[in-house]
């Protein structure tokens, strides 16, 4: 887990007191209410950081899922675009063929009319 500057500052602020508490505890000396509060503070701090880390993991997973959905959407759009282009090209070809047939019909019709 990467630490932020705030993380470093908070840990550095209570680190000497934690060391002092650990030495007291190791020697069998009783802990004061201040010592207990410092330990609680450290515990709450780590719980808070772990909670934030869990939330960050959730957000990261959501972003990855969203990116996957976006990639699928991009692929679907590319397929749709290709289908539309094909459909438009076929329609243009059909219209061009119909127009050429119609022009041919009128040319033949005008030649027939000219002969009479």
PDB file of N, CA and C in Angstrom:
ATOM      1  N   UNK A   1       0.851  -1.180   0.000  1.00  0.00           N
ATOM      2  CA  UNK A   1       0.000   0.000   0.000  1.00  0.00           C
ATOM      3  C   UNK A   1       0.893   1.239   0.000  1.00  0.00           C
ATOM      4  N   UNK A   2       0.702   2.130  -0.940  1.00  0.00           N
ATOM      5  CA  UNK A   2       1.485   3.354  -1.006  1.00  0.00           C
ATOM      6  C   UNK A   2       0.998   4.322   0.064  1.00  0.00           C
ATOM      7  N   UNK A   3       1.942   4.979   0.695  1.00  0.00           N
ATOM      8  CA  UNK A   3       1.575   5.950   1.716  1.00  0.00           C
ATOM      9  C   UNK A   3       1.546   7.342   1.112  1.00  0.00           C
ATOM     10  N   UNK A   4       0.641   8.138   1.608  1.00  0.00           N
ATOM     11  CA  UNK A   4       0.614   9.535   1.209  1.00  0.00           C
ATOM     12  C   UNK A   4       1.455  10.316   2.204  1.00  0.00           C
ATOM     13  N   UNK A   5       1.683  11.564   1.935  1.00  0.00           N
ATOM     14  CA  UNK A   5       2.429  12.387   2.880  1.00  0.00           C
ATOM     15  C   UNK A   5       1.690  12.505   4.203  1.00  0.00           C
ATOM     16  N   UNK A   6       0.350  12.542   4.140  1.00  0.00           N
ATOM     17  CA  UNK A   6      -0.445  12.621   5.364  1.00  0.00           C
ATOM     18  C   UNK A   6      -0.262  11.345   6.173  1.00  0.00           C
ATOM     19  N   UNK A   7      -0.272  10.193   5.478  1.00  0.00           N
ATOM     20  CA  UNK A   7      -0.029   8.920   6.171  1.00  0.00           C
ATOM     21  C   UNK A   7       1.296   8.965   6.905  1.00  0.00           C
ATOM     22  N   UNK A   8       2.333   9.395   6.205  1.00  0.00           N
ATOM     23  CA  UNK A   8       3.665   9.463   6.796  1.00  0.00           C
ATOM     24  C   UNK A   8       3.687  10.398   8.002  1.00  0.00           C
ATOM     25  N   UNK A   9       3.044  11.533   7.857  1.00  0.00           N
ATOM     26  CA  UNK A   9       3.036  12.506   8.955  1.00  0.00           C
ATOM     27  C   UNK A   9       2.340  11.941  10.185  1.00  0.00           C
ATOM     28  N   UNK A  10       1.203  11.310   9.990  1.00  0.00           N
ATOM     29  CA  UNK A  10       0.466  10.773  11.138  1.00  0.00           C
ATOM     30  C   UNK A  10       1.247   9.668  11.832  1.00  0.00           C
ATOM     31  N   UNK A  11       1.806   8.775  11.061  1.00  0.00           N
ATOM     32  CA  UNK A  11       2.585   7.675  11.642  1.00  0.00           C
ATOM     33  C   UNK A  11       3.817   8.230  12.357  1.00  0.00           C
ATOM     34  N   UNK A  12       4.502   9.179  11.734  1.00  0.00           N
ATOM     35  CA  UNK A  12       5.696   9.762  12.359  1.00  0.00           C
ATOM     36  C   UNK A  12       5.349  10.483  13.654  1.00  0.00           C
ATOM     37  N   UNK A  13       4.164  11.076  13.717  1.00  0.00           N
ATOM     38  CA  UNK A  13       3.755  11.784  14.936  1.00  0.00           C
ATOM     39  C   UNK A  13       3.565  10.823  16.109  1.00  0.00           C
ATOM     40  N   UNK A  14       3.000   9.659  15.850  1.00  0.00           N
ATOM     41  CA  UNK A  14       2.712   8.751  16.971  1.00  0.00           C
ATOM     42  C   UNK A  14       3.748   7.642  17.135  1.00  0.00           C
ATOM     43  N   UNK A  15       4.684   7.525  16.194  1.00  0.00           N
ATOM     44  CA  UNK A  15       5.679   6.452  16.257  1.00  0.00           C
ATOM     45  C   UNK A  15       6.501   6.477  17.553  1.00  0.00           C
ATOM     46  N   UNK A  16       7.030   7.645  17.987  1.00  0.00           N
ATOM     47  CA  UNK A  16       7.804   7.642  19.239  1.00  0.00           C
ATOM     48  C   UNK A  16       6.968   7.203  20.443  1.00  0.00           C
ATOM     49  N   UNK A  17       5.732   7.643  20.478  1.00  0.00           N
ATOM     50  CA  UNK A  17       4.847   7.279  21.599  1.00  0.00           C
ATOM     51  C   UNK A  17       4.539   5.785  21.546  1.00  0.00           C
ATOM     52  N   UNK A  18       4.336   5.227  20.369  1.00  0.00           N
ATOM     53  CA  UNK A  18       4.064   3.791  20.213  1.00  0.00           C
ATOM     54  C   UNK A  18       5.265   2.988  20.706  1.00  0.00           C
ATOM     55  N   UNK A  19       6.466   3.445  20.327  1.00  0.00           N
ATOM     56  CA  UNK A  19       7.680   2.750  20.775  1.00  0.00           C
ATOM     57  C   UNK A  19       7.776   2.766  22.293  1.00  0.00           C
ATOM     58  N   UNK A  20       7.471   3.904  22.865  1.00  0.00           N
ATOM     59  CA  UNK A  20       7.489   4.040  24.336  1.00  0.00           C
ATOM     60  C   UNK A  20       6.467   3.101  24.976  1.00  0.00           C
ATOM     61  N   UNK A  21       5.300   2.998  24.386  1.00  0.00           N
ATOM     62  CA  UNK A  21       4.237   2.117  24.905  1.00  0.00           C
ATOM     63  C   UNK A  21       4.670   0.662  24.793  1.00  0.00           C
ATOM     64  N   UNK A  22       5.271   0.304  23.658  1.00  0.00           N
ATOM     65  CA  UNK A  22       5.747  -1.075  23.479  1.00  0.00           C
ATOM     66  C   UNK A  22       6.791  -1.439  24.534  1.00  0.00           C
ATOM     67  N   UNK A  23       7.695  -0.499  24.824  1.00  0.00           N
ATOM     68  CA  UNK A  23       8.723  -0.749  25.842  1.00  0.00           C
ATOM     69  C   UNK A  23       8.087  -0.910  27.221  1.00  0.00           C
ATOM     70  N   UNK A  24       7.094  -0.061  27.523  1.00  0.00           N
ATOM     71  CA  UNK A  24       6.373  -0.166  28.802  1.00  0.00           C
ATOM     72  C   UNK A  24       5.717  -1.540  28.920  1.00  0.00           C
ATOM     73  N   UNK A  25       5.035  -1.924  27.843  1.00  0.00           N
ATOM     74  CA  UNK A  25       4.295  -3.179  27.844  1.00  0.00           C
ATOM     75  C   UNK A  25       5.245  -4.368  27.988  1.00  0.00           C
ATOM     76  N   UNK A  26       6.381  -4.296  27.293  1.00  0.00           N
ATOM     77  CA  UNK A  26       7.376  -5.384  27.358  1.00  0.00           C
ATOM     78  C   UNK A  26       7.969  -5.526  28.751  1.00  0.00           C
ATOM     79  N   UNK A  27       8.122  -4.409  29.436  1.00  0.00           N
ATOM     80  CA  UNK A  27       8.704  -4.460  30.766  1.00  0.00           C
ATOM     81  C   UNK A  27       7.671  -4.797  31.844  1.00  0.00           C
ATOM     82  N   UNK A  28       6.425  -4.905  31.473  1.00  0.00           N
ATOM     83  CA  UNK A  28       5.371  -5.253  32.425  1.00  0.00           C
ATOM     84  C   UNK A  28       4.784  -4.060  33.143  1.00  0.00           C
ATOM     85  N   UNK A  29       5.189  -2.864  32.762  1.00  0.00           N
ATOM     86  CA  UNK A  29       4.652  -1.650  33.371  1.00  0.00           C
ATOM     87  C   UNK A  29       3.228  -1.432  32.854  1.00  0.00           C
ATOM     88  N   UNK A  30       2.363  -0.956  33.733  1.00  0.00           N
ATOM     89  CA  UNK A  30       0.978  -0.702  33.335  1.00  0.00           C
ATOM     90  C   UNK A  30       0.869   0.458  32.361  1.00  0.00           C
ATOM     91  N   UNK A  31      -0.149   0.414  31.549  1.00  0.00           N
ATOM     92  CA  UNK A  31      -0.379   1.464  30.561  1.00  0.00           C
ATOM     93  C   UNK A  31      -1.326   2.513  31.121  1.00  0.00           C
ATOM     94  N   UNK A  32      -1.057   3.761  30.792  1.00  0.00           N
ATOM     95  CA  UNK A  32      -1.936   4.851  31.207  1.00  0.00           C
ATOM     96  C   UNK A  32      -3.083   4.976  30.214  1.00  0.00           C
ATOM     97  N   UNK A  33      -4.051   5.767  30.589  1.00  0.00           N
ATOM     98  CA  UNK A  33      -5.174   6.015  29.678  1.00  0.00           C
ATOM     99  C   UNK A  33      -4.678   6.677  28.394  1.00  0.00           C
ATOM    100  N   UNK A  34      -3.688   7.544  28.522  1.00  0.00           N
ATOM    101  CA  UNK A  34      -3.098   8.193  27.349  1.00  0.00           C
ATOM    102  C   UNK A  34      -2.452   7.157  26.426  1.00  0.00           C
ATOM    103  N   UNK A  35      -1.774   6.170  27.024  1.00  0.00           N
ATOM    104  CA  UNK A  35      -1.170   5.104  26.229  1.00  0.00           C
ATOM    105  C   UNK A  35      -2.242   4.314  25.481  1.00  0.00           C
ATOM    106  N   UNK A  36      -3.286   3.980  26.180  1.00  0.00           N
ATOM    107  CA  UNK A  36      -4.388   3.217  25.572  1.00  0.00           C
ATOM    108  C   UNK A  36      -5.023   4.029  24.444  1.00  0.00           C
ATOM    109  N   UNK A  37      -5.216   5.312  24.686  1.00  0.00           N
ATOM    110  CA  UNK A  37      -5.801   6.181  23.645  1.00  0.00           C
ATOM    111  C   UNK A  37      -4.903   6.239  22.412  1.00  0.00           C
ATOM    112  N   UNK A  38      -3.584   6.286  22.620  1.00  0.00           N
ATOM    113  CA  UNK A  38      -2.648   6.304  21.496  1.00  0.00           C
ATOM    114  C   UNK A  38      -2.742   5.004  20.702  1.00  0.00           C
ATOM    115  N   UNK A  39      -2.816   3.874  21.418  1.00  0.00           N
ATOM    116  CA  UNK A  39      -2.966   2.587  20.734  1.00  0.00           C
ATOM    117  C   UNK A  39      -4.283   2.524  19.961  1.00  0.00           C
ATOM    118  N   UNK A  40      -5.347   3.052  20.566  1.00  0.00           N
ATOM    119  CA  UNK A  40      -6.637   3.101  19.872  1.00  0.00           C
ATOM    120  C   UNK A  40      -6.556   3.982  18.630  1.00  0.00           C
ATOM    121  N   UNK A  41      -5.852   5.099  18.772  1.00  0.00           N
ATOM    122  CA  UNK A  41      -5.681   6.000  17.632  1.00  0.00           C
ATOM    123  C   UNK A  41      -4.961   5.280  16.490  1.00  0.00           C
ATOM    124  N   UNK A  42      -3.884   4.566  16.835  1.00  0.00           N
ATOM    125  CA  UNK A  42      -3.145   3.824  15.819  1.00  0.00           C
ATOM    126  C   UNK A  42      -4.038   2.765  15.183  1.00  0.00           C
ATOM    127  N   UNK A  43      -4.786   2.056  15.991  1.00  0.00           N
ATOM    128  CA  UNK A  43      -5.686   1.022  15.491  1.00  0.00           C
ATOM    129  C   UNK A  43      -6.748   1.619  14.567  1.00  0.00           C
ATOM    130  N   UNK A  44      -7.349   2.713  15.012  1.00  0.00           N
ATOM    131  CA  UNK A  44      -8.380   3.368  14.197  1.00  0.00           C
ATOM    132  C   UNK A  44      -7.787   3.899  12.895  1.00  0.00           C
ATOM    133  N   UNK A  45      -6.573   4.417  12.986  1.00  0.00           N
ATOM    134  CA  UNK A  45      -5.906   4.929  11.794  1.00  0.00           C
ATOM    135  C   UNK A  45      -5.730   3.805  10.782  1.00  0.00           C
ATOM    136  N   UNK A  46      -5.203   2.663  11.230  1.00  0.00           N
ATOM    137  CA  UNK A  46      -4.996   1.547  10.305  1.00  0.00           C
ATOM    138  C   UNK A  46      -6.322   0.990   9.795  1.00  0.00           C
ATOM    139  N   UNK A  47      -7.337   0.952  10.649  1.00  0.00           N
ATOM    140  CA  UNK A  47      -8.662   0.510  10.181  1.00  0.00           C
ATOM    141  C   UNK A  47      -9.192   1.454   9.105  1.00  0.00           C
ATOM    142  N   UNK A  48      -8.984   2.752   9.330  1.00  0.00           N
ATOM    143  CA  UNK A  48      -9.451   3.746   8.364  1.00  0.00           C
ATOM    144  C   UNK A  48      -8.711   3.581   7.036  1.00  0.00           C
ATOM    145  N   UNK A  49      -7.394   3.422   7.101  1.00  0.00           N
ATOM    146  CA  UNK A  49      -6.602   3.249   5.881  1.00  0.00           C
ATOM    147  C   UNK A  49      -7.009   1.966   5.167  1.00  0.00           C
ATOM    148  N   UNK A  50      -7.212   0.882   5.930  1.00  0.00           N
ATOM    149  CA  UNK A  50      -7.637  -0.379   5.309  1.00  0.00           C
ATOM    150  C   UNK A  50      -9.006  -0.230   4.651  1.00  0.00           C
ATOM    151  N   UNK A  51      -9.906   0.496   5.321  1.00  0.00           N
ATOM    152  CA  UNK A  51     -11.234   0.737   4.753  1.00  0.00           C
ATOM    153  C   UNK A  51     -11.112   1.521   3.447  1.00  0.00           C
ATOM    154  N   UNK A  52     -10.288   2.561   3.463  1.00  0.00           N
ATOM    155  CA  UNK A  52     -10.085   3.345   2.245  1.00  0.00           C
ATOM    156  C   UNK A  52      -9.453   2.505   1.147  1.00  0.00           C
ATOM    157  N   UNK A  53      -8.521   1.634   1.533  1.00  0.00           N
ATOM    158  CA  UNK A  53      -7.883   0.747   0.570  1.00  0.00           C
ATOM    159  C   UNK A  53      -8.915  -0.204  -0.050  1.00  0.00           C
ATOM    160  N   UNK A  54      -9.815  -0.745   0.794  1.00  0.00           N
ATOM    161  CA  UNK A  54     -10.882  -1.613   0.277  1.00  0.00           C
ATOM    162  C   UNK A  54     -11.783  -0.852  -0.690  1.00  0.00           C
ATOM    163  N   UNK A  55     -12.134   0.375  -0.322  1.00  0.00           N
ATOM    164  CA  UNK A  55     -12.993   1.186  -1.196  1.00  0.00           C
ATOM    165  C   UNK A  55     -12.275   1.502  -2.507  1.00  0.00           C
ATOM    166  N   UNK A  56     -10.982   1.774  -2.418  1.00  0.00           N
ATOM    167  CA  UNK A  56     -10.213   2.039  -3.629  1.00  0.00           C
ATOM    168  C   UNK A  56     -10.197   0.813  -4.526  1.00  0.00           C
ATOM    169  N   UNK A  57     -10.058  -0.370  -3.928  1.00  0.00           N
ATOM    170  CA  UNK A  57     -10.101  -1.615  -4.708  1.00  0.00           C
ATOM    171  C   UNK A  57     -11.457  -1.775  -5.388  1.00  0.00           C
ATOM    172  N   UNK A  58     -12.544  -1.440  -4.673  1.00  0.00           N
ATOM    173  CA  UNK A  58     -13.887  -1.524  -5.265  1.00  0.00           C
ATOM    174  C   UNK A  58     -14.013  -0.571  -6.446  1.00  0.00           C
ATOM    175  N   UNK A  59     -13.534   0.654  -6.262  1.00  0.00           N
ATOM    176  CA  UNK A  59     -13.615   1.647  -7.336  1.00  0.00           C
ATOM    177  C   UNK A  59     -12.774   1.196  -8.530  1.00  0.00           C
ATOM    178  N   UNK A  60     -11.590   0.666  -8.247  1.00  0.00           N
ATOM    179  CA  UNK A  60     -10.722   0.179  -9.322  1.00  0.00           C
ATOM    180  C   UNK A  60     -11.405  -0.941 -10.095  1.00  0.00           C
ATOM    181  N   UNK A  61     -12.031  -1.872  -9.363  1.00  0.00           N
ATOM    182  CA  UNK A  61     -12.747  -2.967 -10.030  1.00  0.00           C
ATOM    183  C   UNK A  61     -13.901  -2.425 -10.873  1.00  0.00           C
ATOM    184  N   UNK A  62     -14.593  -1.421 -10.359  1.00  0.00           N
ATOM    185  CA  UNK A  62     -15.694  -0.817 -11.115  1.00  0.00           C
ATOM    186  C   UNK A  62     -15.183  -0.152 -12.387  1.00  0.00           C
ATOM    187  N   UNK A  63     -14.051   0.522 -12.289  1.00  0.00           N
ATOM    188  CA  UNK A  63     -13.473   1.188 -13.459  1.00  0.00           C
ATOM    189  C   UNK A  63     -13.064   0.147 -14.506  1.00  0.00           C
ATOM    190  N   UNK A  64     -12.457  -0.949 -14.040  1.00  0.00           N
ATOM    191  CA  UNK A  64     -12.063  -2.015 -14.973  1.00  0.00           C
ATOM    192  C   UNK A  64     -13.295  -2.594 -15.660  1.00  0.00           C
ATOM    193  N   UNK A  65     -14.359  -2.842 -14.878  1.00  0.00           N
ATOM    194  CA  UNK A  65     -15.598  -3.375 -15.459  1.00  0.00           C
ATOM    195  C   UNK A  65     -16.186  -2.384 -16.469  1.00  0.00           C
ATOM    196  N   UNK A  66     -16.134  -1.108 -16.124  1.00  0.00           N
ATOM    197  CA  UNK A  66     -16.649  -0.078 -17.029  1.00  0.00           C
ATOM    198  C   UNK A  66     -15.817  -0.008 -18.313  1.00  0.00           C
ATOM    199  N   UNK A  67     -14.498  -0.136 -18.172  1.00  0.00           N
ATOM    200  CA  UNK A  67     -13.638  -0.147 -19.356  1.00  0.00           C
ATOM    201  C   UNK A  67     -13.962  -1.345 -20.244  1.00  0.00           C
ATOM    202  N   UNK A  68     -14.207  -2.500 -19.622  1.00  0.00           N
ATOM    203  CA  UNK A  68     -14.573  -3.690 -20.404  1.00  0.00           C
ATOM    204  C   UNK A  68     -15.886  -3.475 -21.142  1.00  0.00           C
ATOM    205  N   UNK A  69     -16.853  -2.895 -20.450  1.00  0.00           N
ATOM    206  CA  UNK A  69     -18.137  -2.614 -21.098  1.00  0.00           C
ATOM    207  C   UNK A  69     -17.949  -1.615 -22.240  1.00  0.00           C
ATOM    208  N   UNK A  70     -17.089  -0.624 -22.023  1.00  0.00           N
ATOM    209  CA  UNK A  70     -16.827   0.358 -23.069  1.00  0.00           C
ATOM    210  C   UNK A  70     -16.172  -0.299 -24.275  1.00  0.00           C
ATOM    211  N   UNK A  71     -15.233  -1.226 -24.023  1.00  0.00           N
ATOM    212  CA  UNK A  71     -14.585  -1.939 -25.134  1.00  0.00           C
ATOM    213  C   UNK A  71     -15.603  -2.756 -25.923  1.00  0.00           C
ATOM    214  N   UNK A  72     -16.531  -3.396 -25.212  1.00  0.00           N
ATOM    215  CA  UNK A  72     -17.588  -4.164 -25.878  1.00  0.00           C
ATOM    216  C   UNK A  72     -18.469  -3.217 -26.697  1.00  0.00           C
ATOM    217  N   UNK A  73     -18.814  -2.079 -26.111  1.00  0.00           N
ATOM    218  CA  UNK A  73     -19.634  -1.090 -26.809  1.00  0.00           C
ATOM    219  C   UNK A  73     -18.911  -0.567 -28.051  1.00  0.00           C
ATOM    220  N   UNK A  74     -17.609  -0.330 -27.923  1.00  0.00           N
ATOM    221  CA  UNK A  74     -16.819   0.145 -29.065  1.00  0.00           C
ATOM    222  C   UNK A  74     -16.827  -0.904 -30.177  1.00  0.00           C
ATOM    223  N   UNK A  75     -16.672  -2.161 -29.796  1.00  0.00           N
ATOM    224  CA  UNK A  75     -16.687  -3.251 -30.778  1.00  0.00           C
ATOM    225  C   UNK A  75     -18.052  -3.354 -31.445  1.00  0.00           C
ATOM    226  N   UNK A  76     -19.111  -3.275 -30.630  1.00  0.00           N
ATOM    227  CA  UNK A  76     -20.467  -3.320 -31.188  1.00  0.00           C
ATOM    228  C   UNK A  76     -20.703  -2.151 -32.141  1.00  0.00           C
ATOM    229  N   UNK A  77     -20.203  -0.976 -31.765  1.00  0.00           N
ATOM    230  CA  UNK A  77     -20.381   0.196 -32.618  1.00  0.00           C
ATOM    231  C   UNK A  77     -19.630   0.020 -33.934  1.00  0.00           C
ATOM    232  N   UNK A  78     -18.418  -0.538 -33.871  1.00  0.00           N
ATOM    233  CA  UNK A  78     -17.643  -0.762 -35.106  1.00  0.00           C
ATOM    234  C   UNK A  78     -18.385  -1.733 -36.025  1.00  0.00           C
ATOM    235  N   UNK A  79     -18.956  -2.781 -35.445  1.00  0.00           N
ATOM    236  CA  UNK A  79     -19.739  -3.740 -36.231  1.00  0.00           C
ATOM    237  C   UNK A  79     -20.964  -3.057 -36.836  1.00  0.00           C
ATOM    238  N   UNK A  80     -21.645  -2.255 -36.020  1.00  0.00           N
ATOM    239  CA  UNK A  80     -22.823  -1.521 -36.491  1.00  0.00           C
ATOM    240  C   UNK A  80     -22.451  -0.567 -37.625  1.00  0.00           C
ATOM    241  N   UNK A  81     -21.316   0.122 -37.467  1.00  0.00           N
ATOM    242  CA  UNK A  81     -20.860   1.055 -38.498  1.00  0.00           C
ATOM    243  C   UNK A  81     -20.589   0.311 -39.806  1.00  0.00           C
ATOM    244  N   UNK A  82     -19.930  -0.826 -39.707  1.00  0.00           N
ATOM    245  CA  UNK A  82     -19.639  -1.614 -40.910  1.00  0.00           C
ATOM    246  C   UNK A  82     -20.938  -2.085 -41.563  1.00  0.00           C
ATOM    247  N   UNK A  83     -21.899  -2.523 -40.753  1.00  0.00           N
ATOM    248  CA  UNK A  83     -23.192  -2.966 -41.286  1.00  0.00           C
ATOM    249  C   UNK A  83     -23.918  -1.816 -41.985  1.00  0.00           C
ATOM    250  N   UNK A  84     -23.895  -0.643 -41.375  1.00  0.00           N
ATOM    251  CA  UNK A  84     -24.561   0.523 -41.968  1.00  0.00           C
ATOM    252  C   UNK A  84     -23.885   0.893 -43.295  1.00  0.00           C
ATOM    253  N   UNK A  85     -22.553   0.900 -43.296  1.00  0.00           N
ATOM    254  CA  UNK A  85     -21.842   1.232 -44.537  1.00  0.00           C
ATOM    255  C   UNK A  85     -22.170   0.233 -45.642  1.00  0.00           C
ATOM    256  N   UNK A  86     -22.240  -1.037 -45.294  1.00  0.00           N
ATOM    257  CA  UNK A  86     -22.593  -2.061 -46.275  1.00  0.00           C
ATOM    258  C   UNK A  86     -24.012  -1.843 -46.787  1.00  0.00           C
ATOM    259  N   UNK A  87     -24.922  -1.562 -45.890  1.00  0.00           N
ATOM    260  CA  UNK A  87     -26.327  -1.328 -46.255  1.00  0.00           C
ATOM    261  C   UNK A  87     -26.452  -0.112 -47.171  1.00  0.00           C
ATOM    262  N   UNK A  88     -25.734   0.953 -46.834  1.00  0.00           N
ATOM    263  CA  UNK A  88     -25.780   2.168 -47.662  1.00  0.00           C
ATOM    264  C   UNK A  88     -25.191   1.890 -49.044  1.00  0.00           C
ATOM    265  N   UNK A  89     -24.081   1.168 -49.079  1.00  0.00           N
ATOM    266  CA  UNK A  89     -23.450   0.848 -50.372  1.00  0.00           C
ATOM    267  C   UNK A  89     -24.380   0.010 -51.235  1.00  0.00           C
ATOM    268  N   UNK A  90     -25.039  -0.981 -50.637  1.00  0.00           N
ATOM    269  CA  UNK A  90     -25.987  -1.814 -51.394  1.00  0.00           C
ATOM    270  C   UNK A  90     -27.139  -0.972 -51.921  1.00  0.00           C
ATOM    271  N   UNK A  91     -27.652  -0.058 -51.088  1.00  0.00           N
ATOM    272  CA  UNK A  91     -28.766   0.798 -51.518  1.00  0.00           C
ATOM    273  C   UNK A  91     -28.324   1.704 -52.669  1.00  0.00           C
ATOM    274  N   UNK A  92     -27.115   2.264 -52.567  1.00  0.00           N
ATOM    275  CA  UNK A  92     -26.615   3.106 -53.659  1.00  0.00           C
ATOM    276  C   UNK A  92     -26.452   2.305 -54.945  1.00  0.00           C
ATOM    277  N   UNK A  93     -25.908   1.111 -54.831  1.00  0.00           N
ATOM    278  CA  UNK A  93     -25.742   0.259 -56.017  1.00  0.00           C
ATOM    279  C   UNK A  93     -27.092  -0.079 -56.644  1.00  0.00           C
ATOM    280  N   UNK A  94     -28.073  -0.421 -55.819  1.00  0.00           N
ATOM    281  CA  UNK A  94     -29.414  -0.756 -56.306  1.00  0.00           C
ATOM    282  C   UNK A  94     -30.049   0.455 -56.989  1.00  0.00           C
ATOM    283  N   UNK A  95     -29.906   1.619 -56.369  1.00  0.00           N
ATOM    284  CA  UNK A  95     -30.478   2.834 -56.960  1.00  0.00           C
ATOM    285  C   UNK A  95     -29.792   3.195 -58.278  1.00  0.00           C
ATOM    286  N   UNK A  96     -28.461   3.020 -58.306  1.00  0.00           N
ATOM    287  CA  UNK A  96     -27.723   3.295 -59.539  1.00  0.00           C
ATOM    288  C   UNK A  96     -28.172   2.343 -60.647  1.00  0.00           C
ATOM    289  N   UNK A  97     -28.323   1.078 -60.327  1.00  0.00           N
ATOM    290  CA  UNK A  97     -28.768   0.082 -61.300  1.00  0.00           C
ATOM    291  C   UNK A  97     -30.171   0.426 -61.808  1.00  0.00           C
ATOM    292  N   UNK A  98     -31.054   0.793 -60.888  1.00  0.00           N
ATOM    293  CA  UNK A  98     -32.418   1.156 -61.288  1.00  0.00           C
ATOM    294  C   UNK A  98     -32.402   2.391 -62.186  1.00  0.00           C
ATOM    295  N   UNK A  99     -31.555   3.365 -61.860  1.00  0.00           N
ATOM    296  CA  UNK A  99     -31.483   4.584 -62.668  1.00  0.00           C
ATOM    297  C   UNK A  99     -30.933   4.271 -64.073  1.00  0.00           C
ATOM    298  N   UNK A 100     -29.923   3.411 -64.143  1.00  0.00           N
ATOM    299  CA  UNK A 100     -29.357   3.037 -65.446  1.00  0.00           C
ATOM    300  C   UNK A 100     -30.397   2.271 -66.276  1.00  0.00           C
ATOM    301  N   UNK A 101     -31.130   1.385 -65.630  1.00  0.00           N
ATOM    302  CA  UNK A 101     -32.168   0.626 -66.339  1.00  0.00           C
ATOM    303  C   UNK A 101     -33.246   1.574 -66.860  1.00  0.00           C
ATOM    304  N   UNK A 102     -33.616   2.541 -66.025  1.00  0.00           N
ATOM    305  CA  UNK A 102     -34.642   3.503 -66.422  1.00  0.00           C
ATOM    306  C   UNK A 102     -34.152   4.354 -67.595  1.00  0.00           C
ATOM    307  N   UNK A 103     -32.900   4.788 -67.539  1.00  0.00           N
ATOM    308  CA  UNK A 103     -32.353   5.580 -68.644  1.00  0.00           C
ATOM    309  C   UNK A 103     -32.289   4.744 -69.928  1.00  0.00           C
ATOM    310  N   UNK A 104     -31.884   3.482 -69.795  1.00  0.00           N
ATOM    311  CA  UNK A 104     -31.841   2.590 -70.953  1.00  0.00           C
ATOM    312  C   UNK A 104     -33.221   2.408 -71.548  1.00  0.00           C
ATOM    313  N   UNK A 105     -34.212   2.245 -70.673  1.00  0.00           N
ATOM    314  CA  UNK A 105     -35.598   2.089 -71.139  1.00  0.00           C
ATOM    315  C   UNK A 105     -36.038   3.319 -71.922  1.00  0.00           C
ATOM    316  N   UNK A 106     -35.748   4.511 -71.413  1.00  0.00           N
ATOM    317  CA  UNK A 106     -36.167   5.729 -72.101  1.00  0.00           C
ATOM    318  C   UNK A 106     -35.414   5.928 -73.423  1.00  0.00           C
ATOM    319  N   UNK A 107     -34.143   5.529 -73.465  1.00  0.00           N
ATOM    320  CA  UNK A 107     -33.383   5.626 -74.721  1.00  0.00           C
ATOM    321  C   UNK A 107     -34.005   4.701 -75.762  1.00  0.00           C
ATOM    322  N   UNK A 108     -34.304   3.458 -75.365  1.00  0.00           N
ATOM    323  CA  UNK A 108     -34.931   2.502 -76.281  1.00  0.00           C
ATOM    324  C   UNK A 108     -36.300   3.013 -76.696  1.00  0.00           C
ATOM    325  N   UNK A 109     -37.072   3.523 -75.730  1.00  0.00           N
ATOM    326  CA  UNK A 109     -38.410   4.033 -76.031  1.00  0.00           C
ATOM    327  C   UNK A 109     -38.334   5.209 -76.999  1.00  0.00           C
ATOM    328  N   UNK A 110     -37.374   6.120 -76.781  1.00  0.00           N
ATOM    329  CA  UNK A 110     -37.262   7.270 -77.695  1.00  0.00           C
ATOM    330  C   UNK A 110     -36.826   6.832 -79.092  1.00  0.00           C
ATOM    331  N   UNK A 111     -36.013   5.803 -79.222  1.00  0.00           N
ATOM    332  CA  UNK A 111     -35.604   5.295 -80.532  1.00  0.00           C
ATOM    333  C   UNK A 111     -36.807   4.659 -81.241  1.00  0.00           C
ATOM    334  N   UNK A 112     -37.615   3.932 -80.481  1.00  0.00           N
ATOM    335  CA  UNK A 112     -38.816   3.304 -81.072  1.00  0.00           C
ATOM    336  C   UNK A 112     -39.770   4.372 -81.560  1.00  0.00           C
ATOM    337  N   UNK A 113     -39.924   5.422 -80.759  1.00  0.00           N
ATOM    338  CA  UNK A 113     -40.843   6.506 -81.135  1.00  0.00           C
ATOM    339  C   UNK A 113     -40.322   7.237 -82.385  1.00  0.00           C
ATOM    340  N   UNK A 114     -38.988   7.422 -82.460  1.00  0.00           N
ATOM    341  CA  UNK A 114     -38.385   8.096 -83.615  1.00  0.00           C
ATOM    342  C   UNK A 114     -38.632   7.308 -84.915  1.00  0.00           C
ATOM    343  N   UNK A 115     -38.698   5.975 -84.870  1.00  0.00           N
ATOM    344  CA  UNK A 115     -38.870   5.151 -86.042  1.00  0.00           C
ATOM    345  C   UNK A 115     -40.306   5.256 -86.576  1.00  0.00           C
ATOM    346  N   UNK A 116     -41.211   5.584 -85.747  1.00  0.00           N
ATOM    347  CA  UNK A 116     -42.592   5.697 -86.241  1.00  0.00           C
ATOM    348  C   UNK A 116     -42.886   7.062 -86.694  1.00  0.00           C
TER     349      UNK A 116
END
